Amino acid sequence: MDYSLETPRQDVSCCIRLPCDVLTIPQWMTLGQLAERYGQSVMDITKRQGVQLRWIQIKDVPAIFSALSRVDMSPLQTGFDNVRNVMSCPMAGINLDQVLNVV
């Protein structure tokens, strides 16, 4: 038996929104770096068009939120009864026939 005084590892998942279902190269790079550093090099693409990092330790959450914020991404509003599906067209802003630009 291990009677060490270490706190058992408690992992959580972090869901991340993809803004308008489009990612820039810096956003992809940040997600990859976060997955490598905190998520055992695994990143899931969810059925709701988001990204999920697993095996995150609570102590690492502030660093993850900070890194996401630097590339205009957020894990906020990604669960419960919040709207989670793609809410705009990836062609918004460049489609000549669009009625409204939502970006």
C-alpha atoms as a PDB file:
ATOM      1  CA  MET A   1       0.000   0.000   0.000  1.00  0.00           C
ATOM      2  CA  ASP A   2       1.054   3.545  -0.691  1.00  0.00           C
ATOM      3  CA  TYR A   3       0.736   5.759   2.358  1.00  0.00           C
ATOM      4  CA  SER A   4       2.247   8.883   0.813  1.00  0.00           C
ATOM      5  CA  LEU A   5       0.838  12.276   1.656  1.00  0.00           C
ATOM      6  CA  GLU A   6       0.266  13.217  -1.975  1.00  0.00           C
ATOM      7  CA  THR A   7      -3.241  14.169  -3.008  1.00  0.00           C
ATOM      8  CA  PRO A   8      -4.678  11.661  -5.490  1.00  0.00           C
ATOM      9  CA  ARG A   9      -4.756  12.929  -9.058  1.00  0.00           C
ATOM     10  CA  GLN A  10      -8.176  14.263  -9.983  1.00  0.00           C
ATOM     11  CA  ASP A  11      -8.647  14.758 -13.703  1.00  0.00           C
ATOM     12  CA  VAL A  12     -11.300  16.844 -15.418  1.00  0.00           C
ATOM     13  CA  SER A  13     -12.220  17.539 -19.031  1.00  0.00           C
ATOM     14  CA  CYS A  14     -12.160  20.925 -20.717  1.00  0.00           C
ATOM     15  CA  CYS A  15     -14.560  21.608 -23.582  1.00  0.00           C
ATOM     16  CA  ILE A  16     -13.640  24.459 -25.890  1.00  0.00           C
ATOM     17  CA  ARG A  17     -15.815  26.326 -28.361  1.00  0.00           C
ATOM     18  CA  LEU A  18     -14.699  26.741 -31.945  1.00  0.00           C
ATOM     19  CA  PRO A  19     -15.679  30.288 -32.955  1.00  0.00           C
ATOM     20  CA  CYS A  20     -17.983  30.011 -35.989  1.00  0.00           C
ATOM     21  CA  ASP A  21     -16.557  26.498 -36.466  1.00  0.00           C
ATOM     22  CA  VAL A  22     -13.388  28.032 -37.944  1.00  0.00           C
ATOM     23  CA  LEU A  23      -9.896  27.905 -36.424  1.00  0.00           C
ATOM     24  CA  THR A  24      -6.875  30.014 -37.256  1.00  0.00           C
ATOM     25  CA  ILE A  25      -3.377  28.558 -37.354  1.00  0.00           C
ATOM     26  CA  PRO A  26      -2.461  30.154 -33.979  1.00  0.00           C
ATOM     27  CA  GLN A  27      -5.619  28.624 -32.462  1.00  0.00           C
ATOM     28  CA  TRP A  28      -4.749  25.159 -33.842  1.00  0.00           C
ATOM     29  CA  MET A  29      -1.201  25.523 -32.547  1.00  0.00           C
ATOM     30  CA  THR A  30      -2.435  26.545 -29.092  1.00  0.00           C
ATOM     31  CA  LEU A  31      -4.848  23.608 -28.913  1.00  0.00           C
ATOM     32  CA  GLY A  32      -2.070  21.230 -29.928  1.00  0.00           C
ATOM     33  CA  GLN A  33       0.314  22.663 -27.346  1.00  0.00           C
ATOM     34  CA  LEU A  34      -2.338  22.425 -24.623  1.00  0.00           C
ATOM     35  CA  ALA A  35      -3.112  18.823 -25.566  1.00  0.00           C
ATOM     36  CA  GLU A  36       0.576  17.900 -25.477  1.00  0.00           C
ATOM     37  CA  ARG A  37       1.294  19.670 -22.214  1.00  0.00           C
ATOM     38  CA  TYR A  38      -1.851  18.951 -20.205  1.00  0.00           C
ATOM     39  CA  GLY A  39      -3.953  16.345 -22.033  1.00  0.00           C
ATOM     40  CA  GLN A  40      -1.631  13.399 -22.683  1.00  0.00           C
ATOM     41  CA  SER A  41      -1.283  14.567 -26.318  1.00  0.00           C
ATOM     42  CA  VAL A  42      -4.945  13.789 -27.018  1.00  0.00           C
ATOM     43  CA  MET A  43      -7.567  16.220 -28.311  1.00  0.00           C
ATOM     44  CA  ASP A  44     -11.118  15.094 -29.135  1.00  0.00           C
ATOM     45  CA  ILE A  45     -13.317  16.708 -31.766  1.00  0.00           C
ATOM     46  CA  THR A  46     -16.801  16.544 -30.277  1.00  0.00           C
ATOM     47  CA  LYS A  47     -20.090  15.799 -31.999  1.00  0.00           C
ATOM     48  CA  ARG A  48     -21.096  19.373 -31.214  1.00  0.00           C
ATOM     49  CA  GLN A  49     -18.221  20.792 -33.243  1.00  0.00           C
ATOM     50  CA  GLY A  50     -16.033  21.653 -30.305  1.00  0.00           C
ATOM     51  CA  VAL A  51     -12.760  20.381 -28.916  1.00  0.00           C
ATOM     52  CA  GLN A  52     -12.310  18.516 -25.664  1.00  0.00           C
ATOM     53  CA  LEU A  53      -9.117  18.084 -23.695  1.00  0.00           C
ATOM     54  CA  ARG A  54      -9.132  15.248 -21.179  1.00  0.00           C
ATOM     55  CA  TRP A  55      -6.953  14.395 -18.187  1.00  0.00           C
ATOM     56  CA  ILE A  56      -6.686  18.046 -17.137  1.00  0.00           C
ATOM     57  CA  GLN A  57      -5.673  18.672 -13.553  1.00  0.00           C
ATOM     58  CA  ILE A  58      -7.517  21.403 -11.667  1.00  0.00           C
ATOM     59  CA  LYS A  59      -4.243  23.189 -10.877  1.00  0.00           C
ATOM     60  CA  ASP A  60      -3.617  23.634 -14.634  1.00  0.00           C
ATOM     61  CA  VAL A  61      -6.987  25.231 -15.451  1.00  0.00           C
ATOM     62  CA  PRO A  62      -5.858  28.879 -14.999  1.00  0.00           C
ATOM     63  CA  ALA A  63      -2.926  28.366 -17.405  1.00  0.00           C
ATOM     64  CA  ILE A  64      -5.215  26.688 -19.950  1.00  0.00           C
ATOM     65  CA  PHE A  65      -7.803  29.496 -19.749  1.00  0.00           C
ATOM     66  CA  SER A  66      -5.056  32.079 -20.141  1.00  0.00           C
ATOM     67  CA  ALA A  67      -3.591  30.361 -23.219  1.00  0.00           C
ATOM     68  CA  LEU A  68      -7.046  30.083 -24.802  1.00  0.00           C
ATOM     69  CA  SER A  69      -7.788  33.733 -24.101  1.00  0.00           C
ATOM     70  CA  ARG A  70      -4.624  34.830 -25.910  1.00  0.00           C
ATOM     71  CA  VAL A  71      -6.008  33.321 -29.157  1.00  0.00           C
ATOM     72  CA  ASP A  72      -9.626  34.487 -28.653  1.00  0.00           C
ATOM     73  CA  MET A  73     -10.979  31.114 -27.534  1.00  0.00           C
ATOM     74  CA  SER A  74     -12.940  30.140 -24.461  1.00  0.00           C
ATOM     75  CA  PRO A  75     -14.281  27.105 -22.627  1.00  0.00           C
ATOM     76  CA  LEU A  76     -17.202  29.179 -21.345  1.00  0.00           C
ATOM     77  CA  GLN A  77     -20.796  28.270 -22.234  1.00  0.00           C
ATOM     78  CA  THR A  78     -19.886  24.802 -23.552  1.00  0.00           C
ATOM     79  CA  GLY A  79     -22.215  22.679 -21.458  1.00  0.00           C
ATOM     80  CA  PHE A  80     -25.606  22.230 -19.888  1.00  0.00           C
ATOM     81  CA  ASP A  81     -28.454  23.946 -21.778  1.00  0.00           C
ATOM     82  CA  ASN A  82     -26.288  26.431 -23.645  1.00  0.00           C
ATOM     83  CA  VAL A  83     -26.375  26.667 -27.424  1.00  0.00           C
ATOM     84  CA  ARG A  84     -23.486  24.503 -28.569  1.00  0.00           C
ATOM     85  CA  ASN A  85     -23.984  23.830 -32.244  1.00  0.00           C
ATOM     86  CA  VAL A  86     -22.570  25.865 -35.094  1.00  0.00           C
ATOM     87  CA  MET A  87     -24.507  29.114 -35.091  1.00  0.00           C
ATOM     88  CA  SER A  88     -23.058  30.731 -38.209  1.00  0.00           C
ATOM     89  CA  CYS A  89     -21.775  29.878 -41.623  1.00  0.00           C
ATOM     90  CA  PRO A  90     -18.007  29.582 -42.135  1.00  0.00           C
ATOM     91  CA  MET A  91     -18.573  31.687 -45.267  1.00  0.00           C
ATOM     92  CA  ALA A  92     -19.970  34.618 -43.224  1.00  0.00           C
ATOM     93  CA  GLY A  93     -18.281  37.810 -44.257  1.00  0.00           C
ATOM     94  CA  ILE A  94     -17.122  36.537 -47.642  1.00  0.00           C
ATOM     95  CA  ASN A  95     -20.340  35.255 -49.223  1.00  0.00           C
ATOM     96  CA  LEU A  96     -21.585  37.903 -51.654  1.00  0.00           C
ATOM     97  CA  ASP A  97     -25.223  36.713 -51.283  1.00  0.00           C
ATOM     98  CA  GLN A  98     -25.365  36.854 -47.488  1.00  0.00           C
ATOM     99  CA  VAL A  99     -28.132  38.871 -45.900  1.00  0.00           C
ATOM    100  CA  LEU A 100     -26.449  39.357 -42.539  1.00  0.00           C
ATOM    101  CA  ASN A 101     -22.839  39.089 -41.338  1.00  0.00           C
ATOM    102  CA  VAL A 102     -22.727  37.379 -37.927  1.00  0.00           C
ATOM    103  CA  VAL A 103     -18.969  37.305 -37.393  1.00  0.00           C
END
